[in-house]
Amino acid sequence: MKYTYASFLLLILLSSCRNSQSDPQQMTALYGEHLQAVIEIPAGTNQKIEYDYTDGSFKVDQIDGQDRVIDFLPYPGNYGFVPGTLMDKERGGDGDALDILIIGEAVETGTSMPVIPLGALLLRDRDEIDTKLLGVPADPALQVIEAKDFMSFALRYDAARRIIEDWFQNYKGAGRVEIIRWEDEQYAWSEVEKWKK
């Protein structure tokens, strides 16, 4: 197979986007026309890994000196945050960056990737509204479902939508998280705009 110089450069660019491990504190929420996401917890993992803004590392979260492990099924997608966002507590947020669950093949902790937002799941957790964005990788090679917006996701993958609901409703234990509602991709974009630093 013969490659041109342009196709070789495109291949290098795509692989660097897929596995980029840049400094999340220097990133913005947008990656061209897509959202940027930083993965903390790979799909299929039970350890609760979080980015530490003080030293720029990814660490397993601790509770009473013990690693925090989800006592339920593993994460159903790659879980992380949208860099360049902060859900400010003074405006009703939780003090962290906007969370995102990405349906796709598992990727390493620290991976940054462009994402197509599909929608948002609104939860009530400890009497606070907790918004979880949902998306798919913008790179077709990393996609495992064919959805580009909330309508196509809800119609073609309703079972996956229900699994995600059930997972978030139970991952902290029965009755601790309440599902409020789903919103579409426009709502997801508006949340990013609302919480951009």
C-alpha atoms as a PDB file:
ATOM      1  CA  MET A   1       0.000   0.000   0.000  1.00  0.00           C
ATOM      2  CA  LYS A   2       1.396   3.388  -0.977  1.00  0.00           C
ATOM      3  CA  TYR A   3       1.031   6.385   1.362  1.00  0.00           C
ATOM      4  CA  THR A   4       1.364   9.992   0.331  1.00  0.00           C
ATOM      5  CA  TYR A   5       3.148  12.495   2.530  1.00  0.00           C
ATOM      6  CA  ALA A   6      -0.218  14.169   3.356  1.00  0.00           C
ATOM      7  CA  SER A   7      -1.819  10.870   4.436  1.00  0.00           C
ATOM      8  CA  PHE A   8       1.234  10.132   6.591  1.00  0.00           C
ATOM      9  CA  LEU A   9       0.886  13.529   8.322  1.00  0.00           C
ATOM     10  CA  LEU A  10      -2.845  12.945   8.827  1.00  0.00           C
ATOM     11  CA  LEU A  11      -2.133   9.565  10.411  1.00  0.00           C
ATOM     12  CA  ILE A  12       0.344  11.143  12.840  1.00  0.00           C
ATOM     13  CA  LEU A  13      -2.129  13.906  13.696  1.00  0.00           C
ATOM     14  CA  LEU A  14      -4.953  11.436  14.379  1.00  0.00           C
ATOM     15  CA  SER A  15      -2.807   9.251  16.610  1.00  0.00           C
ATOM     16  CA  SER A  16      -1.587  12.222  18.592  1.00  0.00           C
ATOM     17  CA  CYS A  17      -5.189  13.371  19.140  1.00  0.00           C
ATOM     18  CA  ARG A  18      -6.219   9.906  20.271  1.00  0.00           C
ATOM     19  CA  ASN A  19      -3.499   9.484  22.889  1.00  0.00           C
ATOM     20  CA  SER A  20      -2.609  13.049  23.751  1.00  0.00           C
ATOM     21  CA  GLN A  21      -1.585  13.427  27.372  1.00  0.00           C
ATOM     22  CA  SER A  22      -1.203  17.192  27.595  1.00  0.00           C
ATOM     23  CA  ASP A  23      -1.496  19.207  30.799  1.00  0.00           C
ATOM     24  CA  PRO A  24      -5.262  19.417  31.569  1.00  0.00           C
ATOM     25  CA  GLN A  25      -4.759  22.748  33.338  1.00  0.00           C
ATOM     26  CA  GLN A  26      -3.606  24.297  30.055  1.00  0.00           C
ATOM     27  CA  MET A  27      -6.473  22.887  27.960  1.00  0.00           C
ATOM     28  CA  THR A  28      -9.694  24.529  26.925  1.00  0.00           C
ATOM     29  CA  ALA A  29     -13.185  23.036  26.761  1.00  0.00           C
ATOM     30  CA  LEU A  30     -13.271  23.084  22.973  1.00  0.00           C
ATOM     31  CA  TYR A  31     -11.268  21.102  20.444  1.00  0.00           C
ATOM     32  CA  GLY A  32     -12.207  22.631  17.117  1.00  0.00           C
ATOM     33  CA  GLU A  33     -15.923  21.949  16.693  1.00  0.00           C
ATOM     34  CA  HIS A  34     -15.893  19.252  19.391  1.00  0.00           C
ATOM     35  CA  LEU A  35     -15.617  19.136  23.149  1.00  0.00           C
ATOM     36  CA  GLN A  36     -12.291  18.282  24.717  1.00  0.00           C
ATOM     37  CA  ALA A  37     -12.348  15.552  27.386  1.00  0.00           C
ATOM     38  CA  VAL A  38      -9.676  14.288  29.748  1.00  0.00           C
ATOM     39  CA  ILE A  39     -10.085  10.688  30.884  1.00  0.00           C
ATOM     40  CA  GLU A  40      -9.623   9.928  34.551  1.00  0.00           C
ATOM     41  CA  ILE A  41     -11.234   6.477  34.686  1.00  0.00           C
ATOM     42  CA  PRO A  42     -11.002   4.046  31.748  1.00  0.00           C
ATOM     43  CA  ALA A  43     -14.147   2.127  30.770  1.00  0.00           C
ATOM     44  CA  GLY A  44     -14.346  -1.187  32.641  1.00  0.00           C
ATOM     45  CA  THR A  45     -12.525   0.113  35.743  1.00  0.00           C
ATOM     46  CA  ASN A  46     -13.802   0.147  39.338  1.00  0.00           C
ATOM     47  CA  GLN A  47     -11.160   2.419  40.892  1.00  0.00           C
ATOM     48  CA  LYS A  48     -12.231   6.037  41.370  1.00  0.00           C
ATOM     49  CA  ILE A  49      -9.341   7.970  39.830  1.00  0.00           C
ATOM     50  CA  GLU A  50      -9.274  11.772  39.933  1.00  0.00           C
ATOM     51  CA  TYR A  51      -7.052  14.486  38.529  1.00  0.00           C
ATOM     52  CA  ASP A  52      -5.173  16.377  41.252  1.00  0.00           C
ATOM     53  CA  TYR A  53      -4.901  20.040  40.257  1.00  0.00           C
ATOM     54  CA  THR A  54      -2.297  20.742  42.944  1.00  0.00           C
ATOM     55  CA  ASP A  55       0.422  18.540  41.453  1.00  0.00           C
ATOM     56  CA  GLY A  56      -1.002  17.705  38.003  1.00  0.00           C
ATOM     57  CA  SER A  57      -1.220  13.957  38.582  1.00  0.00           C
ATOM     58  CA  PHE A  58      -3.949  11.330  38.431  1.00  0.00           C
ATOM     59  CA  LYS A  59      -4.542   9.551  41.743  1.00  0.00           C
ATOM     60  CA  VAL A  60      -6.903   6.954  43.130  1.00  0.00           C
ATOM     61  CA  ASP A  61      -9.365   8.836  45.343  1.00  0.00           C
ATOM     62  CA  GLN A  62      -9.090   8.048  49.053  1.00  0.00           C
ATOM     63  CA  ILE A  63     -11.760   7.646  51.726  1.00  0.00           C
ATOM     64  CA  ASP A  64     -10.466   7.210  55.283  1.00  0.00           C
ATOM     65  CA  GLY A  65      -7.002   6.343  53.944  1.00  0.00           C
ATOM     66  CA  GLN A  66      -8.314   3.590  51.674  1.00  0.00           C
ATOM     67  CA  ASP A  67      -8.474   3.546  47.879  1.00  0.00           C
ATOM     68  CA  ARG A  68     -11.995   4.334  46.734  1.00  0.00           C
ATOM     69  CA  VAL A  69     -13.349   1.438  44.713  1.00  0.00           C
ATOM     70  CA  ILE A  70     -16.838   1.461  43.219  1.00  0.00           C
ATOM     71  CA  ASP A  71     -18.777  -1.390  44.847  1.00  0.00           C
ATOM     72  CA  PHE A  72     -20.843  -2.024  41.770  1.00  0.00           C
ATOM     73  CA  LEU A  73     -20.268  -2.809  38.103  1.00  0.00           C
ATOM     74  CA  PRO A  74     -17.253  -1.121  36.455  1.00  0.00           C
ATOM     75  CA  TYR A  75     -17.650   2.241  34.726  1.00  0.00           C
ATOM     76  CA  PRO A  76     -19.702   1.719  31.536  1.00  0.00           C
ATOM     77  CA  GLY A  77     -17.625   4.240  29.576  1.00  0.00           C
ATOM     78  CA  ASN A  78     -14.514   6.353  29.864  1.00  0.00           C
ATOM     79  CA  TYR A  79     -15.168   8.851  32.640  1.00  0.00           C
ATOM     80  CA  GLY A  80     -13.493  12.196  33.026  1.00  0.00           C
ATOM     81  CA  PHE A  81     -13.971  15.917  32.763  1.00  0.00           C
ATOM     82  CA  VAL A  82     -14.169  18.796  30.324  1.00  0.00           C
ATOM     83  CA  PRO A  83     -11.013  20.889  30.884  1.00  0.00           C
ATOM     84  CA  GLY A  84     -11.395  24.633  31.133  1.00  0.00           C
ATOM     85  CA  THR A  85     -14.683  24.281  33.039  1.00  0.00           C
ATOM     86  CA  LEU A  86     -15.437  24.759  36.729  1.00  0.00           C
ATOM     87  CA  MET A  87     -18.830  24.197  38.299  1.00  0.00           C
ATOM     88  CA  ASP A  88     -18.451  27.063  40.744  1.00  0.00           C
ATOM     89  CA  LYS A  89     -20.089  26.359  44.133  1.00  0.00           C
ATOM     90  CA  GLU A  90     -21.220  29.983  44.392  1.00  0.00           C
ATOM     91  CA  ARG A  91     -23.353  29.401  41.283  1.00  0.00           C
ATOM     92  CA  GLY A  92     -24.762  26.034  42.379  1.00  0.00           C
ATOM     93  CA  GLY A  93     -22.007  23.734  41.122  1.00  0.00           C
ATOM     94  CA  ASP A  94     -20.025  21.064  42.931  1.00  0.00           C
ATOM     95  CA  GLY A  95     -16.641  22.827  42.745  1.00  0.00           C
ATOM     96  CA  ASP A  96     -15.198  20.479  40.108  1.00  0.00           C
ATOM     97  CA  ALA A  97     -14.894  20.504  36.338  1.00  0.00           C
ATOM     98  CA  LEU A  98     -17.902  19.338  34.312  1.00  0.00           C
ATOM     99  CA  ASP A  99     -18.087  15.507  34.272  1.00  0.00           C
ATOM    100  CA  ILE A 100     -18.386  13.486  31.084  1.00  0.00           C
ATOM    101  CA  LEU A 101     -18.954   9.800  30.285  1.00  0.00           C
ATOM    102  CA  ILE A 102     -17.693   8.755  26.860  1.00  0.00           C
ATOM    103  CA  ILE A 103     -19.071   5.620  25.242  1.00  0.00           C
ATOM    104  CA  GLY A 104     -16.184   3.949  23.460  1.00  0.00           C
ATOM    105  CA  GLU A 105     -13.268   1.571  23.735  1.00  0.00           C
ATOM    106  CA  ALA A 106     -11.317   1.921  26.982  1.00  0.00           C
ATOM    107  CA  VAL A 107      -8.457   4.439  26.860  1.00  0.00           C
ATOM    108  CA  GLU A 108      -5.700   5.157  29.369  1.00  0.00           C
ATOM    109  CA  THR A 109      -6.007   7.503  32.324  1.00  0.00           C
ATOM    110  CA  GLY A 110      -4.721  10.915  31.247  1.00  0.00           C
ATOM    111  CA  THR A 111      -5.817  10.568  27.626  1.00  0.00           C
ATOM    112  CA  SER A 112      -7.354  13.696  26.141  1.00  0.00           C
ATOM    113  CA  MET A 113      -9.674  13.409  23.184  1.00  0.00           C
ATOM    114  CA  PRO A 114     -12.153  15.363  21.100  1.00  0.00           C
ATOM    115  CA  VAL A 115     -15.719  14.277  21.834  1.00  0.00           C
ATOM    116  CA  ILE A 116     -19.128  14.670  20.205  1.00  0.00           C
ATOM    117  CA  PRO A 117     -21.620  15.499  22.982  1.00  0.00           C
ATOM    118  CA  LEU A 118     -24.829  13.455  22.825  1.00  0.00           C
ATOM    119  CA  GLY A 119     -26.634  14.859  25.830  1.00  0.00           C
ATOM    120  CA  ALA A 120     -26.644  15.220  29.587  1.00  0.00           C
ATOM    121  CA  LEU A 121     -28.005  13.188  32.468  1.00  0.00           C
ATOM    122  CA  LEU A 122     -29.119  15.263  35.448  1.00  0.00           C
ATOM    123  CA  LEU A 123     -28.833  13.565  38.834  1.00  0.00           C
ATOM    124  CA  ARG A 124     -29.578  14.538  42.411  1.00  0.00           C
ATOM    125  CA  ASP A 125     -26.682  13.526  44.657  1.00  0.00           C
ATOM    126  CA  ARG A 126     -26.631  14.612  48.338  1.00  0.00           C
ATOM    127  CA  ASP A 127     -29.346  17.180  47.603  1.00  0.00           C
ATOM    128  CA  GLU A 128     -27.264  18.777  44.819  1.00  0.00           C
ATOM    129  CA  ILE A 129     -27.858  18.687  41.082  1.00  0.00           C
ATOM    130  CA  ASP A 130     -25.037  16.735  39.451  1.00  0.00           C
ATOM    131  CA  THR A 131     -24.809  16.946  35.654  1.00  0.00           C
ATOM    132  CA  LYS A 132     -23.062  14.186  33.706  1.00  0.00           C
ATOM    133  CA  LEU A 133     -22.433  14.901  30.040  1.00  0.00           C
ATOM    134  CA  LEU A 134     -22.553  11.949  27.664  1.00  0.00           C
ATOM    135  CA  GLY A 135     -20.562  11.719  24.464  1.00  0.00           C
ATOM    136  CA  VAL A 136     -18.784   9.593  21.892  1.00  0.00           C
ATOM    137  CA  PRO A 137     -15.228   9.980  20.582  1.00  0.00           C
ATOM    138  CA  ALA A 138     -15.008  12.279  17.556  1.00  0.00           C
ATOM    139  CA  ASP A 139     -12.497   9.823  16.023  1.00  0.00           C
ATOM    140  CA  PRO A 140     -14.584   7.214  14.130  1.00  0.00           C
ATOM    141  CA  ALA A 141     -11.922   4.563  14.858  1.00  0.00           C
ATOM    142  CA  LEU A 142     -12.747   4.841  18.584  1.00  0.00           C
ATOM    143  CA  GLN A 143     -16.537   4.828  18.236  1.00  0.00           C
ATOM    144  CA  VAL A 144     -18.532   1.761  19.250  1.00  0.00           C
ATOM    145  CA  ILE A 145     -22.003   3.182  18.573  1.00  0.00           C
ATOM    146  CA  GLU A 146     -23.348   5.194  15.643  1.00  0.00           C
ATOM    147  CA  ALA A 147     -24.934   8.174  17.363  1.00  0.00           C
ATOM    148  CA  LYS A 148     -24.196  11.837  16.721  1.00  0.00           C
ATOM    149  CA  ASP A 149     -26.943  13.469  18.813  1.00  0.00           C
ATOM    150  CA  PHE A 150     -29.365  12.663  21.621  1.00  0.00           C
ATOM    151  CA  MET A 151     -32.227  11.640  19.347  1.00  0.00           C
ATOM    152  CA  SER A 152     -30.175   9.026  17.484  1.00  0.00           C
ATOM    153  CA  PHE A 153     -28.748   7.775  20.794  1.00  0.00           C
ATOM    154  CA  ALA A 154     -32.162   7.514  22.473  1.00  0.00           C
ATOM    155  CA  LEU A 155     -33.843   5.827  19.494  1.00  0.00           C
ATOM    156  CA  ARG A 156     -31.093   3.398  18.477  1.00  0.00           C
ATOM    157  CA  TYR A 157     -29.531   2.708  21.867  1.00  0.00           C
ATOM    158  CA  ASP A 158     -32.345   2.982  24.386  1.00  0.00           C
ATOM    159  CA  ALA A 159     -31.038  -0.079  26.242  1.00  0.00           C
ATOM    160  CA  ALA A 160     -27.627   1.609  26.614  1.00  0.00           C
ATOM    161  CA  ARG A 161     -29.354   4.766  27.893  1.00  0.00           C
ATOM    162  CA  ARG A 162     -31.192   2.702  30.518  1.00  0.00           C
ATOM    163  CA  ILE A 163     -27.981   0.885  31.532  1.00  0.00           C
ATOM    164  CA  ILE A 164     -26.241   4.245  32.066  1.00  0.00           C
ATOM    165  CA  GLU A 165     -29.201   5.462  34.148  1.00  0.00           C
ATOM    166  CA  ASP A 166     -29.171   2.296  36.258  1.00  0.00           C
ATOM    167  CA  TRP A 167     -25.415   2.494  36.704  1.00  0.00           C
ATOM    168  CA  PHE A 168     -25.442   6.097  37.954  1.00  0.00           C
ATOM    169  CA  GLN A 169     -28.446   5.371  40.157  1.00  0.00           C
ATOM    170  CA  ASN A 170     -26.614   2.502  41.898  1.00  0.00           C
ATOM    171  CA  TYR A 171     -22.857   3.105  41.776  1.00  0.00           C
ATOM    172  CA  LYS A 172     -22.836   4.837  45.194  1.00  0.00           C
ATOM    173  CA  GLY A 173     -25.314   2.364  46.685  1.00  0.00           C
ATOM    174  CA  ALA A 174     -29.062   1.947  46.406  1.00  0.00           C
ATOM    175  CA  GLY A 175     -31.130   5.092  46.938  1.00  0.00           C
ATOM    176  CA  ARG A 176     -28.208   7.540  47.185  1.00  0.00           C
ATOM    177  CA  VAL A 177     -28.489   9.055  43.684  1.00  0.00           C
ATOM    178  CA  GLU A 178     -31.749  10.036  41.997  1.00  0.00           C
ATOM    179  CA  ILE A 179     -32.251  10.382  38.235  1.00  0.00           C
ATOM    180  CA  ILE A 180     -33.879  13.709  37.388  1.00  0.00           C
ATOM    181  CA  ARG A 181     -33.972  13.678  33.571  1.00  0.00           C
ATOM    182  CA  TRP A 182     -32.068  13.486  30.297  1.00  0.00           C
ATOM    183  CA  GLU A 183     -31.336  16.523  28.151  1.00  0.00           C
ATOM    184  CA  ASP A 184     -30.111  16.738  24.551  1.00  0.00           C
ATOM    185  CA  GLU A 185     -26.807  17.805  22.983  1.00  0.00           C
ATOM    186  CA  GLN A 186     -27.838  21.481  22.904  1.00  0.00           C
ATOM    187  CA  TYR A 187     -28.253  21.388  26.664  1.00  0.00           C
ATOM    188  CA  ALA A 188     -24.814  19.739  26.961  1.00  0.00           C
ATOM    189  CA  TRP A 189     -23.254  22.567  24.944  1.00  0.00           C
ATOM    190  CA  SER A 190     -25.074  25.153  27.092  1.00  0.00           C
ATOM    191  CA  GLU A 191     -23.674  23.526  30.254  1.00  0.00           C
ATOM    192  CA  VAL A 192     -20.161  23.833  28.854  1.00  0.00           C
ATOM    193  CA  GLU A 193     -20.779  27.517  28.073  1.00  0.00           C
ATOM    194  CA  LYS A 194     -22.270  28.074  31.534  1.00  0.00           C
ATOM    195  CA  TRP A 195     -19.294  26.574  33.379  1.00  0.00           C
ATOM    196  CA  LYS A 196     -16.392  27.698  31.141  1.00  0.00           C
ATOM    197  CA  LYS A 197     -13.625  29.424  33.114  1.00  0.00           C
END
